[in-house]
Protein backbone atom coordinates (compact mmCIF):
# COMPACT_ATOMS: atom_id res chain seq x y z
CA MET A 1 0.13 -0.20 -0.49
CA SER A 2 1.33 3.15 -1.02
CA SER A 3 1.59 5.65 1.67
CA ASN A 4 2.03 9.18 -0.60
CA VAL A 5 -1.48 8.63 -2.05
CA TRP A 6 -4.74 9.84 -0.40
CA PRO A 7 -7.47 7.51 -0.35
CA PRO A 8 -4.53 4.52 0.18
CA VAL A 9 -5.01 1.97 -3.09
CA LEU A 10 -5.33 -1.81 -1.93
CA THR A 11 -2.51 -3.69 -4.25
CA ASN A 12 -4.27 -6.82 -3.16
CA GLU A 13 -8.13 -5.59 -4.33
CA ASN A 14 -9.71 -8.14 -6.23
CA ALA A 15 -12.18 -6.79 -9.35
CA ASN A 16 -15.41 -8.02 -7.06
CA ASP A 17 -13.75 -6.28 -4.07
CA ARG A 18 -13.55 -3.02 -6.16
CA GLU A 19 -16.69 -3.01 -7.35
CA ALA A 20 -18.04 -3.28 -3.89
CA ARG A 21 -16.13 -1.36 -2.43
CA LEU A 22 -16.84 1.74 -4.86
CA ALA A 23 -20.70 0.75 -4.53
CA ALA A 24 -20.24 1.20 -0.76
CA GLU A 25 -19.16 4.87 -1.32
CA ARG A 26 -21.61 5.90 -3.80
CA GLU A 27 -24.32 4.81 -0.66
CA ALA A 28 -22.24 6.54 1.48
CA LYS A 29 -22.32 9.58 -1.37
CA ARG A 30 -25.87 9.09 -1.56
CA ILE A 31 -26.90 9.01 1.97
CA SER A 32 -24.51 12.03 2.58
CA ASP A 33 -26.08 14.27 -0.09
CA GLU A 34 -29.50 13.38 1.33
CA ILE A 35 -28.75 14.72 4.81
CA ASP A 36 -27.60 17.66 3.26
CA ARG A 37 -30.58 18.49 1.10
CA ALA A 38 -32.73 17.94 4.25
CA LEU A 39 -30.87 20.18 6.18
CA GLU A 40 -30.67 23.06 3.64
CA GLN A 41 -34.54 22.18 3.20
CA GLU A 42 -34.93 22.20 6.89
CA ARG A 43 -32.81 25.57 6.86
CA GLN A 44 -35.08 27.17 4.32
CA GLU A 45 -37.91 26.51 6.06
CA LEU A 46 -37.00 27.76 9.42
CA ARG A 47 -36.08 30.74 7.13
CA LYS A 48 -39.51 30.93 5.87
CA ARG A 49 -41.09 30.30 9.33
CA ARG A 50 -38.92 32.83 10.94
CA PRO A 51 -40.89 35.53 13.05
CA GLN A 52 -40.27 39.03 11.18
CA THR A 53 -39.97 41.83 13.75
CA LYS A 54 -42.97 44.22 12.94
CA ILE A 55 -43.02 47.76 14.16
CA LEU A 56 -46.36 50.64 13.68
CA LEU A 57 -45.24 53.61 13.39
CA LEU A 58 -48.39 55.50 14.40
CA GLY A 59 -48.61 59.77 14.91
CA GLN A 60 -50.45 62.21 13.36
CA ALA A 61 -49.11 63.73 10.06
CA GLU A 62 -45.79 65.49 10.08
CA SER A 63 -44.59 64.17 13.17
CA GLY A 64 -41.52 62.82 11.90
CA LYS A 65 -42.09 59.07 10.63
CA SER A 66 -40.81 58.62 7.48
CA THR A 67 -37.74 60.54 9.12
CA MET A 68 -37.34 57.91 12.09
CA ILE A 69 -37.28 55.16 8.89
CA LYS A 70 -34.80 56.94 7.03
CA HIS A 71 -32.75 56.52 10.50
CA PHE A 72 -33.56 52.61 10.91
CA GLN A 73 -32.13 52.59 7.23
CA LEU A 74 -28.78 54.40 7.70
CA PHE A 75 -27.72 53.04 11.34
CA PHE A 76 -28.96 49.36 10.66
CA CYS A 77 -29.03 48.91 7.04
CA PRO A 78 -26.55 51.28 5.76
CA SER A 79 -25.83 49.97 2.36
CA GLN A 80 -29.91 50.19 1.74
CA PHE A 81 -29.41 53.85 2.79
CA ALA A 82 -26.92 54.23 0.30
CA ALA A 83 -28.37 52.18 -2.98
CA GLU A 84 -31.28 55.01 -2.17
CA THR A 85 -29.42 58.41 -2.94
CA GLU A 86 -30.31 58.95 -6.62
CA ALA A 87 -33.90 58.02 -5.74
CA TRP A 88 -33.92 60.65 -2.94
CA ARG A 89 -32.07 63.64 -5.35
CA THR A 90 -35.31 63.74 -7.27
CA VAL A 91 -37.26 64.10 -4.08
CA ILE A 92 -35.09 66.70 -2.58
CA HIS A 93 -35.13 68.70 -6.21
CA LEU A 94 -39.44 68.53 -5.92
CA ASN A 95 -39.03 70.14 -2.68
CA LEU A 96 -36.82 72.85 -3.62
CA ALA A 97 -39.40 73.44 -7.54
CA ARG A 98 -42.46 72.99 -5.33
CA PHE A 99 -41.19 75.94 -2.51
CA VAL A 100 -39.76 77.99 -4.40
CA ASN A 101 -42.91 77.82 -7.25
CA HIS A 102 -45.25 78.53 -3.81
CA VAL A 103 -42.85 81.33 -2.88
CA LEU A 104 -43.26 82.77 -6.12
CA GLN A 105 -47.09 82.68 -5.66
CA VAL A 106 -47.50 84.22 -2.49
CA LEU A 107 -45.27 87.31 -3.93
CA SER A 108 -47.53 87.41 -7.18
CA THR A 109 -50.45 87.69 -5.35
CA ALA A 110 -49.65 89.79 -2.50
CA GLY A 111 -48.55 92.36 -5.38
CA SER A 112 -51.85 92.31 -6.87
CA ALA A 113 -53.81 92.61 -4.05
CA SER A 114 -51.79 95.39 -2.69
CA GLY A 115 -51.47 96.73 -5.99
CA LYS A 116 -47.82 96.97 -5.98
CA SER A 117 -45.47 95.61 -7.85
CA ASP A 118 -41.31 95.47 -7.15
CA PRO A 119 -39.50 95.25 -10.69
CA ASN A 120 -37.13 93.33 -8.95
CA VAL A 121 -39.68 90.33 -7.67
CA ARG A 122 -41.25 90.83 -11.28
CA MET A 123 -37.97 90.18 -12.90
CA LEU A 124 -36.79 86.73 -10.66
CA GLN A 125 -40.51 85.85 -11.24
CA MET A 126 -39.95 85.90 -14.93
CA ARG A 127 -36.60 84.18 -14.54
CA LEU A 128 -37.46 81.30 -12.29
CA SER A 129 -40.75 80.48 -14.45
CA PRO A 130 -39.55 77.45 -15.92
CA LEU A 131 -39.45 75.90 -12.46
CA LYS A 132 -43.17 75.36 -12.60
CA GLN A 133 -42.36 72.70 -15.50
CA VAL A 134 -39.06 71.39 -13.45
CA GLU A 135 -42.32 70.57 -10.41
CA LEU A 136 -44.44 69.10 -13.02
CA ILE A 137 -41.75 66.74 -14.18
CA LEU A 138 -40.16 65.59 -11.15
CA SER A 139 -44.08 65.02 -9.78
CA ARG A 140 -44.44 62.26 -12.73
CA ALA A 141 -40.74 60.91 -12.15
CA ILE A 142 -42.06 59.41 -8.56
CA ASN A 143 -46.15 59.19 -9.56
CA GLU A 144 -45.96 57.15 -12.37
CA GLU A 145 -49.34 55.38 -12.31
CA SER A 146 -51.39 58.92 -11.35
CA PRO A 147 -49.42 62.41 -12.11
CA SER A 148 -51.89 64.09 -11.22
CA GLN A 149 -52.00 63.46 -7.89
CA LEU A 150 -48.42 65.32 -7.68
CA SER A 151 -48.82 68.03 -11.14
CA SER A 152 -48.25 71.25 -10.19
CA PRO A 153 -50.29 72.43 -7.03
CA THR A 154 -48.44 76.13 -7.06
CA GLU A 155 -51.27 77.06 -9.57
CA GLU A 156 -52.03 80.73 -8.86
CA THR A 157 -55.82 81.29 -7.86
CA SER A 158 -58.04 83.27 -10.06
CA LYS A 159 -58.92 85.55 -6.85
CA PRO A 160 -55.77 87.88 -5.79
CA THR A 161 -56.22 87.72 -2.12
CA TRP A 162 -53.30 88.03 0.73
CA ARG A 163 -53.64 84.75 2.43
CA PRO A 164 -50.24 83.69 3.94
CA ARG A 165 -51.10 80.29 3.33
CA ALA A 166 -48.57 77.33 3.93
CA ALA A 167 -46.82 75.48 1.27
CA PRO A 168 -48.13 72.61 -0.46
CA GLU A 169 -46.63 68.70 0.59
CA VAL A 170 -44.88 66.95 -1.52
CA SER A 171 -46.82 63.38 -1.05
CA ILE A 172 -46.70 60.10 -2.30
CA ARG A 173 -49.72 57.83 -2.13
CA GLY A 174 -48.34 54.40 0.25
CA GLY A 175 -47.48 51.53 -1.58
CA SER A 176 -46.68 53.37 -4.81
CA GLY A 177 -43.45 51.78 -4.63
CA TRP A 178 -41.35 55.14 -6.05
CA LYS A 179 -37.97 53.96 -4.74
CA THR A 180 -38.15 51.07 -6.92
CA LEU A 181 -39.87 52.54 -10.23
CA MET A 182 -36.87 55.39 -9.73
CA ARG A 183 -34.26 52.68 -9.81
CA ARG A 184 -35.85 50.47 -12.60
CA ARG A 185 -36.04 53.96 -14.96
CA LYS A 186 -32.20 53.32 -14.18
CA GLY A 187 -30.15 52.56 -17.32
CA SER A 188 -33.23 52.96 -20.00
CA THR A 189 -32.20 56.80 -20.70
CA ALA A 190 -30.11 58.28 -23.57
CA ALA A 191 -26.72 58.20 -24.06
CA LYS A 192 -25.49 61.83 -22.77
CA SER A 193 -26.72 60.42 -19.01
CA PRO A 194 -27.32 56.59 -18.91
CA SER A 195 -28.13 56.56 -15.41
CA ILE A 196 -30.74 59.35 -15.63
CA PRO A 197 -34.26 59.35 -17.80
CA ASP A 198 -34.48 62.21 -20.21
CA GLU A 199 -36.82 64.66 -18.20
CA VAL A 200 -35.19 64.27 -15.39
CA GLU A 201 -32.02 65.20 -16.77
CA ASP A 202 -33.65 67.92 -18.46
CA ALA A 203 -35.24 69.29 -14.69
CA ARG A 204 -31.97 68.85 -13.17
CA GLN A 205 -30.31 71.18 -16.17
CA ILE A 206 -32.83 73.93 -15.64
CA LEU A 207 -32.41 73.97 -11.76
CA ASP A 208 -28.76 74.39 -12.39
CA ALA A 209 -29.50 77.35 -15.07
CA CYS A 210 -31.59 78.93 -12.15
CA LYS A 211 -29.93 78.77 -9.21
CA ASP A 212 -28.29 82.09 -8.99
CA ASP A 213 -31.92 83.23 -9.02
CA VAL A 214 -33.17 81.24 -6.52
CA VAL A 215 -30.64 82.20 -4.38
CA ALA A 216 -31.11 85.83 -4.89
CA LEU A 217 -35.11 85.23 -4.29
CA TRP A 218 -34.39 83.69 -1.38
CA GLN A 219 -31.87 86.66 0.17
CA SER A 220 -34.36 89.38 -1.20
CA SER A 221 -35.59 91.70 1.66
CA ILE A 222 -38.95 91.11 0.47
CA LEU A 223 -39.30 87.58 1.95
CA ARG A 224 -38.22 88.82 5.28
CA THR A 225 -41.15 91.57 4.73
CA LEU A 226 -43.82 88.87 3.70
CA GLU A 227 -42.19 86.58 6.61
CA GLU A 228 -43.30 89.58 9.22
CA GLU A 229 -46.87 89.76 8.03
CA GLY A 230 -47.14 86.20 8.74
CA MET A 231 -45.42 83.66 6.23
CA ASP A 232 -44.70 80.91 7.35
CA LEU A 233 -40.56 80.30 6.20
CA HIS A 234 -39.70 78.04 8.63
CA HIS A 235 -40.97 75.26 6.32
CA HIS A 236 -38.96 71.64 5.84
CA ALA A 237 -37.57 73.14 2.62
CA ARG A 238 -36.03 76.29 4.20
CA TYR A 239 -32.59 74.25 4.14
CA PHE A 240 -32.84 74.03 1.03
CA LEU A 241 -33.38 77.12 -0.06
CA ASP A 242 -30.44 78.18 2.58
CA ASN A 243 -28.08 75.90 0.61
CA ALA A 244 -29.81 76.61 -2.85
CA ALA A 245 -26.67 76.68 -4.77
CA ARG A 246 -25.18 73.69 -3.88
CA VAL A 247 -28.21 71.48 -4.04
CA ALA A 248 -29.32 72.72 -7.48
CA ASN A 249 -26.23 72.44 -9.05
CA LEU A 250 -25.79 70.19 -11.85
CA SER A 251 -23.19 67.45 -10.02
CA TYR A 252 -25.28 67.32 -7.04
CA THR A 253 -25.47 64.00 -4.94
CA PRO A 254 -27.13 64.39 -1.46
CA THR A 255 -25.74 63.82 1.33
CA THR A 256 -26.78 62.35 4.47
CA ASP A 257 -28.27 65.32 6.02
CA ASP A 258 -29.97 66.37 3.29
CA ILE A 259 -31.49 63.07 3.17
CA LEU A 260 -33.49 63.30 6.24
CA ARG A 261 -34.44 66.41 5.43
CA ALA A 262 -36.52 65.95 2.35
CA ARG A 263 -39.67 65.90 2.87
CA LEU A 264 -42.32 63.45 1.55
CA ARG A 265 -45.72 62.99 3.09
CA THR A 266 -47.64 59.02 2.54
CA LEU A 267 -50.94 59.02 1.96
CA GLY A 268 -51.92 55.53 3.61
CA VAL A 269 -49.98 52.84 4.76
CA GLU A 270 -46.01 52.28 3.38
CA GLU A 271 -44.80 49.01 4.00
CA TYR A 272 -40.93 49.02 4.91
CA ARG A 273 -39.09 45.70 5.01
CA MET A 274 -35.26 45.69 6.35
CA THR A 275 -33.04 42.90 6.33
CA MET A 276 -30.70 44.02 9.55
CA GLU A 277 -27.01 44.54 8.69
CA THR A 278 -25.86 45.13 12.14
CA ALA A 279 -24.50 42.07 14.26
CA ALA A 280 -26.75 41.83 16.97
CA GLU A 281 -29.75 41.20 14.77
CA LYS A 282 -28.07 41.02 11.57
CA GLY A 283 -29.74 38.89 8.53
CA SER A 284 -33.08 39.10 10.62
CA ASP A 285 -36.01 40.91 8.86
CA TRP A 286 -37.73 43.74 10.66
CA VAL A 287 -41.26 45.31 9.19
CA PHE A 288 -42.35 48.67 9.40
CA TYR A 289 -45.45 50.09 8.90
CA ASP A 290 -45.58 53.88 8.28
CA VAL A 291 -49.80 54.72 7.94
CA GLY A 292 -51.08 58.01 7.43
CA GLY A 293 -51.53 60.65 10.06
CA SER A 294 -53.99 62.74 8.91
CA ARG A 295 -57.54 62.36 10.24
CA ASN A 296 -59.05 60.94 7.50
CA GLN A 297 -56.36 57.89 7.26
CA ARG A 298 -56.41 57.40 10.86
CA ALA A 299 -59.91 54.45 10.53
CA ALA A 300 -57.36 52.33 8.15
CA TRP A 301 -54.97 52.27 11.78
CA ALA A 302 -56.96 49.12 13.75
CA SER A 303 -56.07 46.63 10.85
CA TYR A 304 -52.40 47.07 11.55
CA PHE A 305 -52.85 46.50 15.12
CA ASP A 306 -52.51 42.84 14.99
CA ASP A 307 -49.24 40.71 15.78
CA VAL A 308 -47.31 43.57 15.93
CA ASN A 309 -43.86 43.85 18.65
CA ALA A 310 -43.81 47.39 18.95
CA VAL A 311 -45.44 50.60 18.65
CA ILE A 312 -43.33 54.03 18.19
CA PHE A 313 -45.45 56.69 18.56
CA LEU A 314 -44.47 60.17 17.98
CA CYS A 315 -45.56 63.46 18.85
CA PRO A 316 -44.16 66.79 17.54
CA MET A 317 -43.89 68.86 20.64
CA SER A 318 -43.31 72.37 17.96
CA GLY A 319 -46.95 71.84 17.37
CA PHE A 320 -48.23 73.33 20.27
CA ASN A 321 -49.22 76.47 18.60
CA GLN A 322 -49.79 74.80 15.22
CA ARG A 323 -53.58 74.04 13.60
CA LEU A 324 -54.46 70.52 11.74
CA SER A 325 -54.36 71.04 8.45
CA GLU A 326 -57.37 69.22 8.25
CA ASP A 327 -59.51 70.79 10.53
CA GLY A 328 -58.13 74.31 11.47
CA SER A 329 -59.91 74.86 14.66
CA VAL A 330 -57.90 71.62 16.61
CA ASN A 331 -54.64 72.09 17.96
CA ARG A 332 -51.86 69.82 16.92
CA LEU A 333 -50.67 69.21 20.35
CA PHE A 334 -53.80 68.60 21.72
CA ASP A 335 -54.85 66.43 19.04
CA SER A 336 -51.45 64.70 19.09
CA MET A 337 -52.30 63.61 22.81
CA GLU A 338 -56.11 63.39 22.11
CA LEU A 339 -55.05 60.26 19.51
CA TRP A 340 -52.19 58.81 22.44
CA GLU A 341 -54.83 58.44 24.80
CA THR A 342 -56.29 56.70 21.99
CA VAL A 343 -53.33 54.24 21.15
CA CYS A 344 -52.96 53.70 25.07
CA LYS A 345 -56.13 52.32 25.67
CA SER A 346 -56.36 49.56 22.45
CA LYS A 347 -57.12 46.03 23.57
CA LEU A 348 -55.02 44.79 20.20
CA LEU A 349 -52.18 46.50 21.36
CA ALA A 350 -51.58 45.27 24.95
CA ASN A 351 -49.27 42.92 24.08
CA ALA A 352 -47.47 45.66 22.30
CA MET A 353 -44.26 47.46 23.75
CA PHE A 354 -44.60 51.40 23.57
CA ILE A 355 -41.82 53.84 22.87
CA LEU A 356 -42.64 57.39 22.98
CA LEU A 357 -40.69 59.83 20.80
CA LEU A 358 -41.27 63.56 21.83
CA ASN A 359 -40.27 64.90 18.68
CA LYS A 360 -38.86 68.01 16.96
CA ALA A 361 -36.97 69.58 19.91
CA ASP A 362 -34.96 71.50 17.87
CA ILE A 363 -37.89 73.63 16.18
CA LEU A 364 -39.70 73.52 19.87
CA TYR A 365 -36.05 75.20 20.88
CA ALA A 366 -36.34 77.98 18.17
CA LYS A 367 -40.31 78.56 18.88
CA LEU A 368 -39.81 79.43 22.85
CA LYS A 369 -36.37 81.06 22.06
CA ALA A 370 -37.61 83.49 19.70
CA GLY A 371 -40.53 84.39 22.90
CA ILE A 372 -43.24 82.44 21.59
CA LYS A 373 -44.57 81.00 24.99
CA PHE A 374 -45.77 77.66 25.53
CA GLU A 375 -48.18 78.95 28.33
CA ASP A 376 -49.74 81.03 26.03
CA TYR A 377 -51.41 77.49 23.97
CA VAL A 378 -51.32 75.17 27.18
CA ALA A 379 -53.03 76.97 30.08
CA SER A 380 -51.99 74.09 32.43
CA TYR A 381 -48.14 74.85 32.10
CA HIS A 382 -48.85 78.42 33.81
CA GLY A 383 -46.23 79.90 35.72
CA ARG A 384 -43.56 77.38 34.77
CA PRO A 385 -40.36 78.33 32.80
CA ASN A 386 -40.79 78.98 28.98
CA LYS A 387 -38.08 76.97 28.29
CA ALA A 388 -37.59 73.68 25.95
CA GLU A 389 -36.13 71.08 28.77
CA TYR A 390 -38.96 72.08 31.14
CA VAL A 391 -41.36 71.73 28.21
CA ALA A 392 -40.10 68.40 27.21
CA ASP A 393 -40.38 67.45 30.47
CA TYR A 394 -43.90 68.63 31.35
CA LEU A 395 -45.12 67.00 28.37
CA ARG A 396 -43.45 63.59 28.99
CA GLU A 397 -44.89 63.94 32.71
CA GLN A 398 -48.60 64.08 30.85
CA MET A 399 -47.97 61.07 28.22
CA ILE A 400 -46.35 58.87 30.97
CA LEU A 401 -49.38 59.54 33.08
CA THR A 402 -52.05 59.11 30.45
CA HIS A 403 -50.29 55.97 29.17
CA ARG A 404 -50.23 54.11 32.77
CA MET A 405 -53.84 55.11 33.50
CA CYS A 406 -54.93 53.75 30.09
CA SER A 407 -53.58 51.17 29.41
CA PRO A 408 -55.07 48.06 29.29
CA LYS A 409 -52.44 46.27 31.57
CA ARG A 410 -49.63 46.91 33.02
CA ARG A 411 -46.45 47.18 30.78
CA GLN A 412 -43.34 49.13 30.20
CA LEU A 413 -42.60 52.52 28.35
CA HIS A 414 -39.78 53.89 26.82
CA ALA A 415 -40.16 57.46 26.46
CA HIS A 416 -37.16 59.45 24.60
CA VAL A 417 -36.84 63.23 23.60
CA THR A 418 -35.86 63.21 20.11
CA CYS A 419 -34.79 65.93 17.39
CA ALA A 420 -35.61 63.71 13.90
CA ILE A 421 -32.58 65.47 12.24
CA ASP A 422 -29.25 64.95 14.97
CA THR A 423 -27.66 62.04 13.57
CA THR A 424 -25.70 62.12 17.05
CA VAL A 425 -29.28 62.09 19.36
CA MET A 426 -30.76 59.14 17.10
CA GLY A 427 -28.26 57.07 17.14
CA ALA A 428 -28.12 56.72 20.57
CA VAL A 429 -32.51 56.28 20.66
CA LEU A 430 -31.79 54.18 17.88
CA ASN A 431 -29.74 51.69 19.25
CA SER A 432 -31.32 51.98 22.91
CA ILE A 433 -34.70 51.35 20.54
CA ARG A 434 -33.27 48.28 19.06
CA ASP A 435 -31.83 46.73 22.31
CA CYS A 436 -35.83 46.97 23.91
CA ILE A 437 -37.45 45.92 21.26
CA LEU A 438 -34.69 42.88 20.81
CA VAL A 439 -35.61 41.69 24.18
CA ILE A 440 -39.48 41.53 24.13
CA ILE A 441 -38.97 39.81 20.55
CA LEU A 442 -36.91 37.10 23.18
CA GLN A 443 -39.24 37.62 26.34
CA GLN A 444 -42.00 36.39 23.18
CA THR A 445 -40.40 34.01 22.43
CA THR A 446 -39.63 31.87 25.06
CA LEU A 447 -36.07 32.79 25.19
CA LEU A 448 -35.59 34.72 27.70
């Protein structure tokens, strides 16, 4: 028998012994392969049956739910977040174009109502008029099925009356798959720019040509005057106007901060499926349901309450001096408190973990610093300091008390004060939320 060959060759093996040995080896390999296939099938079945982590995001419209989803992607699914950069560029450009068109309309309406017209403003209006077409193009780009829903809502009204209305929102119907749509269009374009649809490329060219005029409009003194008269310039798109020269540039690529500040309102329910990439839960599937927060959409919430691991409720603290867009008689903060009470009382959510995020701390701080008094809108706060940390503590106490009094059974509540555009603060909050959710999942699967 040679000692240099493996497997060893039997020198005294006859033909019958060799055939018997080879048959035994084939049978052993067959059995081994069957075991491997059975193990792989079992792994696949386990993967299919693996429980998904289901998280429900609740809160009124503009409470920050969509931004929270982006934060989860950024920290726990970074490759997915990076893959959507190009899709968000289109949304950011639409945010910018729509708000500029809104400002131009307000200037036109104010001038018509007063009978006065600034020649410099008239010139800017003329030079920036192509942005109406940009808004229409970009609206179509993110909503293939029903572009009319998003087509130029900033058309001028026939009757010139000065009213400092809020800027219209960029919105999308839940389940429309707009990000997939943008990625599908990638590559189906002209040779001059193979990664961008022709129309969107044209819109970017127009924005680039108009960027100096956008900057001039934003820096004009007439806007400061309109703000003093009641126009709300503290809009989410203000950030993009402050950075208009960079954002409108043809070579623009969105930064993380840009994507977090981009606004796209969800109409209906949007489902986000994330395969987690971080160590503790790597490979597990987390499903987030972002449900529309306006009053006419809340009736559909209950159908998503079943089999939910956690509820994240966002309360925008900065809404204390605002009214609901769908009902001007209702204070936004009071509506959020009532909504919290309703959610806490739900028996369908009795076994879900509750996470309360007192959001938009940065805007609350700016409003109080500007001299707006919280007690003027919330009588029960009378006599307390008009400082953001005191207001946040007060709201936290009130909402924790509501949770304790209204919950169908005793359960833990995790409350955090957040600023959805501060990645440092949100990183710490999200890690805490992730750990809490992992613990509750282990408890629900009797592993802990």
